[in-house]
Amino acid sequence: MSNPKIAIAGASGNLGPAVLSALLEAGFTVTVLTRAGQKGSHQFDRRAQVAKVDYQSQESLISALRGHDAVVNTLGTVPRPVHLGLIDAAVAAHVPRFIPSEFGMDSAHPKASAFPIYADKVAVQKYLQEKAAASGGQFAYTFLINDAVELYDGGDRKFSATTLAGVGKAICGIIRNLEATRNRTVYVREVDVSQNQLLGMLKTTLPTKVVDTEELERNAWVEFKKPNPPLEIFLDFIRRNVFGEGYGGLLPAEALSNQLLGVREFSQDELEKVVRDCGN
């Protein structure tokens, strides 16, 4: 595949701009899907084509996706049917690869997948697996996982983290290695680091508060079972997932696909620069 044609949904969100930039810099032909009739207009890089679509219309999506080699979904918090509809359209348009909006914590981890905040992601994973199995090899998916003042469980437990630019590089790596990443989850990280290590790199003293993630999870389940649970409890599930012992926040080295996807881990100096830049 000399010059893959890629469609990206959600290019104006938090992650989307970094992914779009990486795809264009890699020399891919990119189509940005935008909502038809949306008020205001986001200015995308001129190298990208723009297709206005109705996410509620299969006909609209199929027409926009036809002729593409992959779909990258960076849509954020949208209803589950929007994600499933995009998958259906990709299958109908004969797009061979779909990369879902699965760029954060490992929601397939046995403990994390039980958290209600990941219910939609788990449902999308299952749906993709079913579609791939039914396609006879014509449709495939790739899940991409990367991880990530209160100090959770003391702040000394390391977690895996990747920058937005690093996620963009990993997506380009998937597209360059379609066969090696077919119907599987790939894991990348740019660094394993603890909260206390990050604080030390800021070269400043900040007030801290130690928080027990086991207690966060316990209280979150209590609140979740009540009518109209507050948003904060869903964030507490994520905190438990990232910082809790055995919840998948620290990726095992043997599971990583950094080398395959061309994502280099940070040196100490590079990490300190990222931390300083974020702190300014």
C-alpha atoms as a PDB file:
ATOM      1  CA  MET A   1       0.000   0.000   0.000  1.00  0.00           C
ATOM      2  CA  SER A   2       2.107   2.895  -1.302  1.00  0.00           C
ATOM      3  CA  ASN A   3      -0.154   5.804  -0.357  1.00  0.00           C
ATOM      4  CA  PRO A   4      -2.953   4.718   1.983  1.00  0.00           C
ATOM      5  CA  LYS A   5      -6.168   6.728   2.001  1.00  0.00           C
ATOM      6  CA  ILE A   6      -7.343   7.299   5.570  1.00  0.00           C
ATOM      7  CA  ALA A   7     -10.625   8.690   6.916  1.00  0.00           C
ATOM      8  CA  ILE A   8     -10.603  10.235  10.397  1.00  0.00           C
ATOM      9  CA  ALA A   9     -13.662  10.949  12.535  1.00  0.00           C
ATOM     10  CA  GLY A  10     -13.346  13.425  15.403  1.00  0.00           C
ATOM     11  CA  ALA A  11     -10.357  15.355  14.057  1.00  0.00           C
ATOM     12  CA  SER A  12     -11.287  18.539  15.939  1.00  0.00           C
ATOM     13  CA  GLY A  13     -11.451  16.987  19.425  1.00  0.00           C
ATOM     14  CA  ASN A  14      -8.741  16.607  22.068  1.00  0.00           C
ATOM     15  CA  LEU A  15      -6.799  13.777  20.413  1.00  0.00           C
ATOM     16  CA  GLY A  16      -7.917  14.262  16.803  1.00  0.00           C
ATOM     17  CA  PRO A  17      -5.658  17.202  15.837  1.00  0.00           C
ATOM     18  CA  ALA A  18      -2.510  15.333  16.920  1.00  0.00           C
ATOM     19  CA  VAL A  19      -3.578  12.226  15.000  1.00  0.00           C
ATOM     20  CA  LEU A  20      -4.497  14.236  11.895  1.00  0.00           C
ATOM     21  CA  SER A  21      -1.117  15.972  11.977  1.00  0.00           C
ATOM     22  CA  ALA A  22       0.730  12.650  12.276  1.00  0.00           C
ATOM     23  CA  LEU A  23      -1.218  11.106   9.376  1.00  0.00           C
ATOM     24  CA  LEU A  24      -0.503  14.065   7.106  1.00  0.00           C
ATOM     25  CA  GLU A  25       3.176  14.222   8.066  1.00  0.00           C
ATOM     26  CA  ALA A  26       3.419  10.513   7.226  1.00  0.00           C
ATOM     27  CA  GLY A  27       2.330  11.351   3.675  1.00  0.00           C
ATOM     28  CA  PHE A  28      -1.046   9.609   3.821  1.00  0.00           C
ATOM     29  CA  THR A  29      -4.058  10.904   1.897  1.00  0.00           C
ATOM     30  CA  VAL A  30      -6.500  11.954   4.615  1.00  0.00           C
ATOM     31  CA  THR A  31     -10.227  12.680   4.612  1.00  0.00           C
ATOM     32  CA  VAL A  32     -11.667  14.443   7.657  1.00  0.00           C
ATOM     33  CA  LEU A  33     -15.278  13.548   8.461  1.00  0.00           C
ATOM     34  CA  THR A  34     -17.241  16.517   9.824  1.00  0.00           C
ATOM     35  CA  ARG A  35     -20.875  16.791  10.853  1.00  0.00           C
ATOM     36  CA  ALA A  36     -23.095  18.224   8.129  1.00  0.00           C
ATOM     37  CA  GLY A  37     -24.984  21.278   9.329  1.00  0.00           C
ATOM     38  CA  GLN A  38     -22.692  21.850  12.293  1.00  0.00           C
ATOM     39  CA  LYS A  39     -22.599  25.493  13.371  1.00  0.00           C
ATOM     40  CA  GLY A  40     -19.222  27.111  12.893  1.00  0.00           C
ATOM     41  CA  SER A  41     -16.418  25.607  10.854  1.00  0.00           C
ATOM     42  CA  HIS A  42     -13.140  24.205  12.129  1.00  0.00           C
ATOM     43  CA  GLN A  43     -10.184  25.065   9.927  1.00  0.00           C
ATOM     44  CA  PHE A  44      -8.291  21.883   9.108  1.00  0.00           C
ATOM     45  CA  ASP A  45      -4.883  21.563   7.497  1.00  0.00           C
ATOM     46  CA  ARG A  46      -5.275  22.282   3.777  1.00  0.00           C
ATOM     47  CA  ARG A  47      -3.580  18.998   2.926  1.00  0.00           C
ATOM     48  CA  ALA A  48      -6.636  17.139   4.244  1.00  0.00           C
ATOM     49  CA  GLN A  49      -9.841  16.650   2.305  1.00  0.00           C
ATOM     50  CA  VAL A  50     -13.075  17.357   4.198  1.00  0.00           C
ATOM     51  CA  ALA A  51     -16.278  15.325   3.850  1.00  0.00           C
ATOM     52  CA  LYS A  52     -19.473  16.534   5.532  1.00  0.00           C
ATOM     53  CA  VAL A  53     -21.468  13.567   6.825  1.00  0.00           C
ATOM     54  CA  ASP A  54     -24.622  12.786   8.753  1.00  0.00           C
ATOM     55  CA  TYR A  55     -23.618  10.295  11.460  1.00  0.00           C
ATOM     56  CA  GLN A  56     -27.240   9.140  11.642  1.00  0.00           C
ATOM     57  CA  SER A  57     -27.272   8.198   7.934  1.00  0.00           C
ATOM     58  CA  GLN A  58     -25.610   5.038   6.680  1.00  0.00           C
ATOM     59  CA  GLU A  59     -25.913   6.272   3.113  1.00  0.00           C
ATOM     60  CA  SER A  60     -24.011   9.451   3.974  1.00  0.00           C
ATOM     61  CA  LEU A  61     -21.250   7.603   5.837  1.00  0.00           C
ATOM     62  CA  ILE A  62     -20.848   4.860   3.241  1.00  0.00           C
ATOM     63  CA  SER A  63     -20.529   7.422   0.463  1.00  0.00           C
ATOM     64  CA  ALA A  64     -17.805   9.290   2.376  1.00  0.00           C
ATOM     65  CA  LEU A  65     -15.864   6.142   3.317  1.00  0.00           C
ATOM     66  CA  ARG A  66     -15.909   4.348  -0.022  1.00  0.00           C
ATOM     67  CA  GLY A  67     -12.412   3.964  -1.466  1.00  0.00           C
ATOM     68  CA  HIS A  68     -10.551   4.395   1.827  1.00  0.00           C
ATOM     69  CA  ASP A  69      -8.039   1.919   3.245  1.00  0.00           C
ATOM     70  CA  ALA A  70      -8.681   2.624   6.932  1.00  0.00           C
ATOM     71  CA  VAL A  71     -10.953   4.534   9.293  1.00  0.00           C
ATOM     72  CA  VAL A  72      -9.486   6.139  12.428  1.00  0.00           C
ATOM     73  CA  ASN A  73     -12.167   6.971  14.995  1.00  0.00           C
ATOM     74  CA  THR A  74     -11.109   9.660  17.475  1.00  0.00           C
ATOM     75  CA  LEU A  75     -14.659  10.665  18.414  1.00  0.00           C
ATOM     76  CA  GLY A  76     -14.948  11.313  22.130  1.00  0.00           C
ATOM     77  CA  THR A  77     -18.049  11.051  24.284  1.00  0.00           C
ATOM     78  CA  VAL A  78     -20.801  10.350  21.770  1.00  0.00           C
ATOM     79  CA  PRO A  79     -23.683   7.842  21.981  1.00  0.00           C
ATOM     80  CA  ARG A  80     -22.793   4.202  21.363  1.00  0.00           C
ATOM     81  CA  PRO A  81     -24.944   3.999  18.182  1.00  0.00           C
ATOM     82  CA  VAL A  82     -22.689   6.604  16.529  1.00  0.00           C
ATOM     83  CA  HIS A  83     -19.634   4.365  17.008  1.00  0.00           C
ATOM     84  CA  LEU A  84     -21.502   1.252  15.858  1.00  0.00           C
ATOM     85  CA  GLY A  85     -22.941   3.091  12.852  1.00  0.00           C
ATOM     86  CA  LEU A  86     -19.461   4.153  11.777  1.00  0.00           C
ATOM     87  CA  ILE A  87     -18.325   0.527  11.982  1.00  0.00           C
ATOM     88  CA  ASP A  88     -21.322  -0.633   9.919  1.00  0.00           C
ATOM     89  CA  ALA A  89     -20.603   2.001   7.283  1.00  0.00           C
ATOM     90  CA  ALA A  90     -16.929   0.999   7.079  1.00  0.00           C
ATOM     91  CA  VAL A  91     -17.918  -2.632   6.513  1.00  0.00           C
ATOM     92  CA  ALA A  92     -20.506  -1.687   3.878  1.00  0.00           C
ATOM     93  CA  ALA A  93     -17.996   0.596   2.112  1.00  0.00           C
ATOM     94  CA  HIS A  94     -15.438  -2.260   2.053  1.00  0.00           C
ATOM     95  CA  VAL A  95     -12.878  -0.379   4.151  1.00  0.00           C
ATOM     96  CA  PRO A  96     -10.431  -3.109   5.246  1.00  0.00           C
ATOM     97  CA  ARG A  97      -9.230  -1.620   8.552  1.00  0.00           C
ATOM     98  CA  PHE A  98     -10.990   0.152  11.446  1.00  0.00           C
ATOM     99  CA  ILE A  99      -9.141   1.732  14.382  1.00  0.00           C
ATOM    100  CA  PRO A 100     -11.729   2.489  17.096  1.00  0.00           C
ATOM    101  CA  SER A 101     -11.748   5.242  19.695  1.00  0.00           C
ATOM    102  CA  GLU A 102      -9.730   3.128  22.129  1.00  0.00           C
ATOM    103  CA  PHE A 103      -6.612   5.122  22.898  1.00  0.00           C
ATOM    104  CA  GLY A 104      -6.519   5.345  26.677  1.00  0.00           C
ATOM    105  CA  MET A 105      -6.616   2.787  29.433  1.00  0.00           C
ATOM    106  CA  ASP A 106      -6.918  -0.923  28.686  1.00  0.00           C
ATOM    107  CA  SER A 107     -10.691  -1.349  28.954  1.00  0.00           C
ATOM    108  CA  ALA A 108     -10.235  -5.007  28.014  1.00  0.00           C
ATOM    109  CA  HIS A 109      -8.377  -5.626  31.294  1.00  0.00           C
ATOM    110  CA  PRO A 110     -10.485  -8.090  33.366  1.00  0.00           C
ATOM    111  CA  LYS A 111     -10.813  -5.734  36.351  1.00  0.00           C
ATOM    112  CA  ALA A 112     -11.192  -2.494  34.407  1.00  0.00           C
ATOM    113  CA  SER A 113     -13.813  -3.874  31.996  1.00  0.00           C
ATOM    114  CA  ALA A 114     -16.247  -4.278  34.912  1.00  0.00           C
ATOM    115  CA  PHE A 115     -16.306  -0.514  35.516  1.00  0.00           C
ATOM    116  CA  PRO A 116     -19.493   1.103  34.136  1.00  0.00           C
ATOM    117  CA  ILE A 117     -17.536   3.928  32.512  1.00  0.00           C
ATOM    118  CA  TYR A 118     -16.143   1.399  30.012  1.00  0.00           C
ATOM    119  CA  ALA A 119     -19.489  -0.224  29.118  1.00  0.00           C
ATOM    120  CA  ASP A 120     -19.693   1.462  25.711  1.00  0.00           C
ATOM    121  CA  LYS A 121     -16.058   0.696  24.876  1.00  0.00           C
ATOM    122  CA  VAL A 122     -16.492  -2.976  25.776  1.00  0.00           C
ATOM    123  CA  ALA A 123     -19.638  -3.127  23.620  1.00  0.00           C
ATOM    124  CA  VAL A 124     -17.794  -1.573  20.664  1.00  0.00           C
ATOM    125  CA  GLN A 125     -14.917  -4.054  21.078  1.00  0.00           C
ATOM    126  CA  LYS A 126     -17.332  -6.983  20.964  1.00  0.00           C
ATOM    127  CA  TYR A 127     -19.152  -5.532  17.956  1.00  0.00           C
ATOM    128  CA  LEU A 128     -15.906  -5.085  16.031  1.00  0.00           C
ATOM    129  CA  GLN A 129     -14.823  -8.626  16.815  1.00  0.00           C
ATOM    130  CA  GLU A 130     -18.154  -9.962  15.540  1.00  0.00           C
ATOM    131  CA  LYS A 131     -17.955  -7.913  12.329  1.00  0.00           C
ATOM    132  CA  ALA A 132     -14.379  -9.018  11.664  1.00  0.00           C
ATOM    133  CA  ALA A 133     -15.278 -12.677  12.219  1.00  0.00           C
ATOM    134  CA  ALA A 134     -18.260 -12.428   9.856  1.00  0.00           C
ATOM    135  CA  SER A 135     -16.320 -10.676   7.076  1.00  0.00           C
ATOM    136  CA  GLY A 136     -14.249 -13.647   5.993  1.00  0.00           C
ATOM    137  CA  GLY A 137     -11.036 -11.649   6.339  1.00  0.00           C
ATOM    138  CA  GLN A 138     -12.253  -8.609   4.386  1.00  0.00           C
ATOM    139  CA  PHE A 139     -12.594  -6.382   7.471  1.00  0.00           C
ATOM    140  CA  ALA A 140     -10.215  -6.078  10.413  1.00  0.00           C
ATOM    141  CA  TYR A 141      -9.685  -3.884  13.448  1.00  0.00           C
ATOM    142  CA  THR A 142      -6.841  -2.751  15.677  1.00  0.00           C
ATOM    143  CA  PHE A 143      -7.192  -1.531  19.261  1.00  0.00           C
ATOM    144  CA  LEU A 144      -4.460   0.865  20.391  1.00  0.00           C
ATOM    145  CA  ILE A 145      -3.853   1.165  24.153  1.00  0.00           C
ATOM    146  CA  ASN A 146      -1.670   3.714  25.988  1.00  0.00           C
ATOM    147  CA  ASP A 147      -2.042   4.798  29.585  1.00  0.00           C
ATOM    148  CA  ALA A 148      -2.591   8.264  31.117  1.00  0.00           C
ATOM    149  CA  VAL A 149      -2.259  17.381  43.289  1.00  0.00           C
ATOM    150  CA  GLU A 150      -3.792  14.156  44.638  1.00  0.00           C
ATOM    151  CA  LEU A 151      -1.313  11.347  45.252  1.00  0.00           C
ATOM    152  CA  TYR A 152      -3.112   8.099  44.595  1.00  0.00           C
ATOM    153  CA  ASP A 153      -2.062   5.272  46.916  1.00  0.00           C
ATOM    154  CA  GLY A 154       0.899   7.412  47.978  1.00  0.00           C
ATOM    155  CA  GLY A 155       2.047   8.390  44.481  1.00  0.00           C
ATOM    156  CA  ASP A 156       4.872   5.851  44.161  1.00  0.00           C
ATOM    157  CA  ARG A 157       3.160   3.305  41.896  1.00  0.00           C
ATOM    158  CA  LYS A 158       4.244   3.666  38.275  1.00  0.00           C
ATOM    159  CA  PHE A 159       1.813   3.877  35.360  1.00  0.00           C
ATOM    160  CA  SER A 160       2.346   3.852  31.581  1.00  0.00           C
ATOM    161  CA  ALA A 161       1.839   7.071  29.635  1.00  0.00           C
ATOM    162  CA  THR A 162       1.959   8.310  26.040  1.00  0.00           C
ATOM    163  CA  THR A 163       1.675  11.836  24.647  1.00  0.00           C
ATOM    164  CA  LEU A 164      -0.968  12.785  22.063  1.00  0.00           C
ATOM    165  CA  ALA A 165       1.800  13.012  19.466  1.00  0.00           C
ATOM    166  CA  GLY A 166       2.919   9.515  20.456  1.00  0.00           C
ATOM    167  CA  VAL A 167      -0.588   8.171  19.857  1.00  0.00           C
ATOM    168  CA  GLY A 168      -0.529   9.760  16.408  1.00  0.00           C
ATOM    169  CA  LYS A 169       2.784   8.049  15.611  1.00  0.00           C
ATOM    170  CA  ALA A 170       1.383   4.715  16.777  1.00  0.00           C
ATOM    171  CA  ILE A 171      -1.662   5.038  14.507  1.00  0.00           C
ATOM    172  CA  CYS A 172       0.643   5.712  11.548  1.00  0.00           C
ATOM    173  CA  GLY A 173       2.599   2.616  12.575  1.00  0.00           C
ATOM    174  CA  ILE A 174      -0.578   0.534  12.523  1.00  0.00           C
ATOM    175  CA  ILE A 175      -1.400   1.707   9.001  1.00  0.00           C
ATOM    176  CA  ARG A 176       2.122   0.845   7.833  1.00  0.00           C
ATOM    177  CA  ASN A 177       1.805  -2.644   9.377  1.00  0.00           C
ATOM    178  CA  LEU A 178      -1.771  -3.662   8.600  1.00  0.00           C
ATOM    179  CA  GLU A 179      -1.113  -7.393   8.437  1.00  0.00           C
ATOM    180  CA  ALA A 180       0.912  -7.512  11.667  1.00  0.00           C
ATOM    181  CA  THR A 181      -1.803  -5.585  13.537  1.00  0.00           C
ATOM    182  CA  ARG A 182      -4.837  -7.380  12.104  1.00  0.00           C
ATOM    183  CA  ASN A 183      -7.641  -8.095  14.616  1.00  0.00           C
ATOM    184  CA  ARG A 184      -5.562  -7.500  17.717  1.00  0.00           C
ATOM    185  CA  THR A 185      -4.891  -5.031  20.485  1.00  0.00           C
ATOM    186  CA  VAL A 186      -1.534  -3.263  20.373  1.00  0.00           C
ATOM    187  CA  TYR A 187       0.037  -1.571  23.380  1.00  0.00           C
ATOM    188  CA  VAL A 188       2.456   1.354  23.392  1.00  0.00           C
ATOM    189  CA  ARG A 189       4.016   3.614  25.978  1.00  0.00           C
ATOM    190  CA  GLU A 190       6.517   6.430  25.925  1.00  0.00           C
ATOM    191  CA  VAL A 191       7.282   6.200  29.622  1.00  0.00           C
ATOM    192  CA  ASP A 192       6.573   4.387  32.881  1.00  0.00           C
ATOM    193  CA  VAL A 193       6.553   6.945  35.678  1.00  0.00           C
ATOM    194  CA  SER A 194       5.053   7.621  39.103  1.00  0.00           C
ATOM    195  CA  GLN A 195       3.249  10.727  40.316  1.00  0.00           C
ATOM    196  CA  ASN A 196       6.019  11.460  42.795  1.00  0.00           C
ATOM    197  CA  GLN A 197       8.636  11.253  40.047  1.00  0.00           C
ATOM    198  CA  LEU A 198       6.631  13.725  37.954  1.00  0.00           C
ATOM    199  CA  LEU A 199       6.291  16.102  40.887  1.00  0.00           C
ATOM    200  CA  GLY A 200      10.033  15.930  41.483  1.00  0.00           C
ATOM    201  CA  MET A 201      10.696  16.997  37.891  1.00  0.00           C
ATOM    202  CA  LEU A 202       8.646  20.170  38.330  1.00  0.00           C
ATOM    203  CA  LYS A 203      11.361  21.530  40.649  1.00  0.00           C
ATOM    204  CA  THR A 204       8.735  23.148  42.848  1.00  0.00           C
ATOM    205  CA  THR A 205       6.902  22.291  46.050  1.00  0.00           C
ATOM    206  CA  LEU A 206       3.156  21.729  45.784  1.00  0.00           C
ATOM    207  CA  PRO A 207       0.604  20.823  48.453  1.00  0.00           C
ATOM    208  CA  THR A 208      -0.340  17.140  48.226  1.00  0.00           C
ATOM    209  CA  LYS A 209      -3.081  14.888  49.523  1.00  0.00           C
ATOM    210  CA  VAL A 210      -2.850  11.087  49.663  1.00  0.00           C
ATOM    211  CA  VAL A 211      -5.934   9.311  48.284  1.00  0.00           C
ATOM    212  CA  ASP A 212      -6.752   5.597  48.612  1.00  0.00           C
ATOM    213  CA  THR A 213      -7.918   4.275  45.210  1.00  0.00           C
ATOM    214  CA  GLU A 214      -9.561   1.218  46.792  1.00  0.00           C
ATOM    215  CA  GLU A 215     -11.775   3.576  48.781  1.00  0.00           C
ATOM    216  CA  LEU A 216     -12.451   5.618  45.623  1.00  0.00           C
ATOM    217  CA  GLU A 217     -13.690   2.506  43.827  1.00  0.00           C
ATOM    218  CA  ARG A 218     -15.807   1.366  46.774  1.00  0.00           C
ATOM    219  CA  ASN A 219     -17.524   4.746  47.091  1.00  0.00           C
ATOM    220  CA  ALA A 220     -17.943   5.024  43.305  1.00  0.00           C
ATOM    221  CA  TRP A 221     -19.898   1.752  43.171  1.00  0.00           C
ATOM    222  CA  VAL A 222     -22.169   2.948  45.992  1.00  0.00           C
ATOM    223  CA  GLU A 223     -22.899   6.220  44.171  1.00  0.00           C
ATOM    224  CA  PHE A 224     -23.273   4.504  40.786  1.00  0.00           C
ATOM    225  CA  LYS A 225     -26.188   2.412  42.061  1.00  0.00           C
ATOM    226  CA  LYS A 226     -28.112   5.558  43.017  1.00  0.00           C
ATOM    227  CA  PRO A 227     -30.338   7.482  40.562  1.00  0.00           C
ATOM    228  CA  ASN A 228     -28.416  10.070  38.508  1.00  0.00           C
ATOM    229  CA  PRO A 229     -24.899   9.359  39.827  1.00  0.00           C
ATOM    230  CA  PRO A 230     -22.531  12.369  39.701  1.00  0.00           C
ATOM    231  CA  LEU A 231     -19.901  12.619  36.968  1.00  0.00           C
ATOM    232  CA  GLU A 232     -17.085  12.592  39.525  1.00  0.00           C
ATOM    233  CA  ILE A 233     -17.628   8.921  40.350  1.00  0.00           C
ATOM    234  CA  PHE A 234     -16.818   7.926  36.766  1.00  0.00           C
ATOM    235  CA  LEU A 235     -13.527   9.788  37.081  1.00  0.00           C
ATOM    236  CA  ASP A 236     -12.892   7.822  40.274  1.00  0.00           C
ATOM    237  CA  PHE A 237     -13.241   4.566  38.321  1.00  0.00           C
ATOM    238  CA  ILE A 238     -10.584   5.871  35.908  1.00  0.00           C
ATOM    239  CA  ARG A 239      -8.289   6.853  38.792  1.00  0.00           C
ATOM    240  CA  ARG A 240      -8.580   3.350  40.200  1.00  0.00           C
ATOM    241  CA  ASN A 241      -7.870   1.934  36.743  1.00  0.00           C
ATOM    242  CA  VAL A 242      -4.742   4.066  36.226  1.00  0.00           C
ATOM    243  CA  PHE A 243      -3.206   4.030  39.690  1.00  0.00           C
ATOM    244  CA  GLY A 244      -4.634   0.942  41.423  1.00  0.00           C
ATOM    245  CA  GLU A 245      -2.470  -2.139  41.865  1.00  0.00           C
ATOM    246  CA  GLY A 246      -3.291  -4.806  39.277  1.00  0.00           C
ATOM    247  CA  TYR A 247      -5.791  -2.765  37.240  1.00  0.00           C
ATOM    248  CA  GLY A 248      -3.741  -2.501  34.051  1.00  0.00           C
ATOM    249  CA  GLY A 249      -2.289   0.988  34.466  1.00  0.00           C
ATOM    250  CA  LEU A 250       1.286  -0.278  34.110  1.00  0.00           C
ATOM    251  CA  LEU A 251       1.750  -2.060  30.802  1.00  0.00           C
ATOM    252  CA  PRO A 252       3.980  -5.174  30.849  1.00  0.00           C
ATOM    253  CA  ALA A 253       7.079  -4.764  28.684  1.00  0.00           C
ATOM    254  CA  GLU A 254       6.455  -8.046  26.862  1.00  0.00           C
ATOM    255  CA  ALA A 255       3.067  -6.780  25.617  1.00  0.00           C
ATOM    256  CA  LEU A 256       4.416  -3.624  23.974  1.00  0.00           C
ATOM    257  CA  SER A 257       4.434  -2.996  20.221  1.00  0.00           C
ATOM    258  CA  ASN A 258       6.597   0.141  20.319  1.00  0.00           C
ATOM    259  CA  GLN A 259       9.242  -1.246  17.989  1.00  0.00           C
ATOM    260  CA  LEU A 260       6.701  -2.482  15.445  1.00  0.00           C
ATOM    261  CA  LEU A 261       4.836   0.840  15.409  1.00  0.00           C
ATOM    262  CA  GLY A 262       7.892   3.093  15.535  1.00  0.00           C
ATOM    263  CA  VAL A 263       7.153   4.700  18.905  1.00  0.00           C
ATOM    264  CA  ARG A 264      10.326   5.449  20.846  1.00  0.00           C
ATOM    265  CA  GLU A 265      10.354   5.588  24.648  1.00  0.00           C
ATOM    266  CA  PHE A 266      11.392   8.854  26.296  1.00  0.00           C
ATOM    267  CA  SER A 267      14.858   9.373  27.676  1.00  0.00           C
ATOM    268  CA  GLN A 268      15.046  10.962  31.126  1.00  0.00           C
ATOM    269  CA  ASP A 269      15.921  14.349  29.600  1.00  0.00           C
ATOM    270  CA  GLU A 270      13.017  14.150  27.137  1.00  0.00           C
ATOM    271  CA  LEU A 271      10.567  13.273  29.891  1.00  0.00           C
ATOM    272  CA  GLU A 272      11.761  16.130  32.072  1.00  0.00           C
ATOM    273  CA  LYS A 273      11.325  18.552  29.157  1.00  0.00           C
ATOM    274  CA  VAL A 274       7.745  17.352  28.564  1.00  0.00           C
ATOM    275  CA  VAL A 275       6.953  17.771  32.262  1.00  0.00           C
ATOM    276  CA  ARG A 276       8.489  21.249  32.389  1.00  0.00           C
ATOM    277  CA  ASP A 277       6.604  22.320  29.257  1.00  0.00           C
ATOM    278  CA  CYS A 278       3.317  21.107  30.734  1.00  0.00           C
ATOM    279  CA  GLY A 279       4.041  22.876  34.011  1.00  0.00           C
ATOM    280  CA  ASN A 280       4.666  26.260  32.369  1.00  0.00           C
END
